[in-house]
Amino acid sequence: YHIFIIVILITIIIAFFSISIYTYSSPEKDRSEIVIDEVIGQSIALLPLLFFSETTSPDFFMCIISLLFFRFFDIVKPYPINKFDKMNNTFGVIFDDILAGVFSALILTLALIF
């Protein structure tokens, strides 16, 4: 799972610069065609499946549960996710999805433990 974390970190860095360049002259920074932030968030939400893969094998059902948790937090945007969503800059575009992924990963971890 270490390589997966490294890939996520590299993707975050590349996404930050790519989104900055793409939205440089646009007043709206979180454009609908930008989806790399969703990929990053969902990847983070799936991390617990890798951490627990030695004790429980990840199955398709748990991947769907991870997706549902991530989409819930990404759509509802509870505090503090909503604060980053309203920033209208590259950091906010990426970080609200990172937080949604972290919240999802925490709940998925609890589901896997119990």
Protein backbone atom coordinates (compact mmCIF):
# COMPACT_ATOMS: atom_id res chain seq x y z
CA TYR A 1 0.00 0.00 0.00
CA HIS A 2 2.98 2.34 0.30
CA ILE A 3 3.24 2.72 -3.45
CA PHE A 4 -0.47 3.61 -3.61
CA ILE A 5 0.06 6.42 -1.09
CA ILE A 6 3.04 7.69 -3.08
CA VAL A 7 0.96 7.64 -6.28
CA ILE A 8 -1.78 9.63 -4.53
CA LEU A 9 0.72 12.22 -3.29
CA ILE A 10 2.28 12.60 -6.75
CA THR A 11 -1.18 12.90 -8.28
CA ILE A 12 -2.07 15.65 -5.80
CA ILE A 13 1.03 17.63 -6.78
CA ILE A 14 0.42 17.18 -10.51
CA ALA A 15 -3.28 18.03 -10.07
CA PHE A 16 -2.46 21.21 -8.17
CA PHE A 17 -0.27 22.56 -10.96
CA SER A 18 -2.57 21.30 -13.73
CA ILE A 19 -5.68 22.85 -12.22
CA SER A 20 -3.82 26.11 -11.54
CA ILE A 21 -2.76 26.36 -15.17
CA TYR A 22 -6.12 25.26 -16.58
CA THR A 23 -8.17 27.70 -14.49
CA TYR A 24 -5.70 30.59 -14.50
CA SER A 25 -7.92 33.03 -16.41
CA SER A 26 -11.24 31.54 -15.34
CA PRO A 27 -13.26 33.15 -12.53
CA GLU A 28 -14.74 29.74 -11.63
CA LYS A 29 -11.97 27.44 -10.36
CA ASP A 30 -14.02 24.29 -9.61
CA ARG A 31 -15.14 23.57 -13.15
CA SER A 32 -17.17 20.47 -13.97
CA GLU A 33 -14.61 19.10 -16.43
CA ILE A 34 -12.00 18.88 -13.66
CA VAL A 35 -12.33 15.38 -12.22
CA ILE A 36 -8.82 14.59 -10.97
CA ASP A 37 -9.84 15.90 -7.54
CA GLU A 38 -12.61 13.28 -7.44
CA VAL A 39 -10.11 10.58 -8.39
CA ILE A 40 -7.82 11.68 -5.56
CA GLY A 41 -10.64 11.73 -3.02
CA GLN A 42 -11.96 8.31 -4.02
CA SER A 43 -8.44 6.88 -3.93
CA ILE A 44 -8.07 8.11 -0.36
CA ALA A 45 -11.48 6.64 0.52
CA LEU A 46 -10.28 3.23 -0.74
CA LEU A 47 -7.07 3.21 1.34
CA PRO A 48 -8.55 1.31 4.32
CA LEU A 49 -9.23 -1.65 2.01
CA LEU A 50 -5.49 -1.86 1.38
CA PHE A 51 -4.59 -1.48 5.05
CA PHE A 52 -6.95 -4.29 6.05
CA SER A 53 -6.18 -6.53 3.07
CA GLU A 54 -3.97 -8.79 5.20
CA THR A 55 -6.82 -9.63 7.57
CA THR A 56 -9.85 -9.32 5.30
CA SER A 57 -9.87 -9.52 1.55
CA PRO A 58 -11.39 -6.43 -0.05
CA ASP A 59 -14.45 -7.32 -2.06
CA PHE A 60 -16.58 -5.46 -4.58
CA PHE A 61 -19.22 -4.69 -1.95
CA MET A 62 -16.75 -2.78 0.23
CA CYS A 63 -15.55 -0.82 -2.80
CA ILE A 64 -19.14 0.25 -3.46
CA ILE A 65 -19.56 1.18 0.22
CA SER A 66 -16.39 3.30 -0.04
CA LEU A 67 -17.78 5.03 -3.14
CA LEU A 68 -21.11 5.73 -1.41
CA PHE A 69 -19.37 7.20 1.65
CA PHE A 70 -17.19 9.39 -0.55
CA ARG A 71 -20.08 10.60 -2.69
CA PHE A 72 -22.11 11.38 0.45
CA PHE A 73 -19.39 13.62 1.87
CA ASP A 74 -18.61 15.10 -1.55
CA ILE A 75 -22.25 16.07 -2.17
CA VAL A 76 -23.41 17.02 1.34
CA LYS A 77 -20.12 18.77 2.20
CA PRO A 78 -20.42 18.96 5.99
CA TYR A 79 -18.12 21.22 7.99
CA PRO A 80 -15.16 21.68 7.36
CA ILE A 81 -15.46 20.37 3.78
CA ASN A 82 -17.87 23.19 2.89
CA LYS A 83 -15.32 25.81 3.97
CA PHE A 84 -12.76 24.54 1.47
CA ASP A 85 -15.38 24.10 -1.24
CA LYS A 86 -16.21 27.83 -1.04
CA MET A 87 -12.59 28.97 -1.41
CA ASN A 88 -12.71 29.14 -5.25
CA ASN A 89 -9.01 28.48 -5.66
CA THR A 90 -6.92 25.47 -6.63
CA PHE A 91 -6.26 24.45 -3.04
CA GLY A 92 -9.99 24.46 -2.27
CA VAL A 93 -10.83 22.50 -5.43
CA ILE A 94 -8.51 19.67 -4.40
CA PHE A 95 -8.69 19.82 -0.61
CA ASP A 96 -12.48 19.53 -0.27
CA ASP A 97 -12.27 16.16 -2.06
CA ILE A 98 -9.24 15.12 -0.01
CA LEU A 99 -11.26 15.79 3.16
CA ALA A 100 -14.27 13.92 1.77
CA GLY A 101 -11.92 11.00 1.08
CA VAL A 102 -10.43 11.16 4.58
CA PHE A 103 -13.88 11.25 6.23
CA SER A 104 -14.96 8.31 4.05
CA ALA A 105 -11.80 6.39 4.90
CA LEU A 106 -12.38 6.91 8.62
CA ILE A 107 -15.95 5.60 8.44
CA LEU A 108 -14.88 2.69 6.23
CA THR A 109 -12.15 1.86 8.75
CA LEU A 110 -14.74 1.75 11.53
CA ALA A 111 -16.93 -0.48 9.35
CA LEU A 112 -14.02 -2.84 8.73
CA ILE A 113 -13.07 -3.00 12.42
CA PHE A 114 -16.58 -3.74 13.64
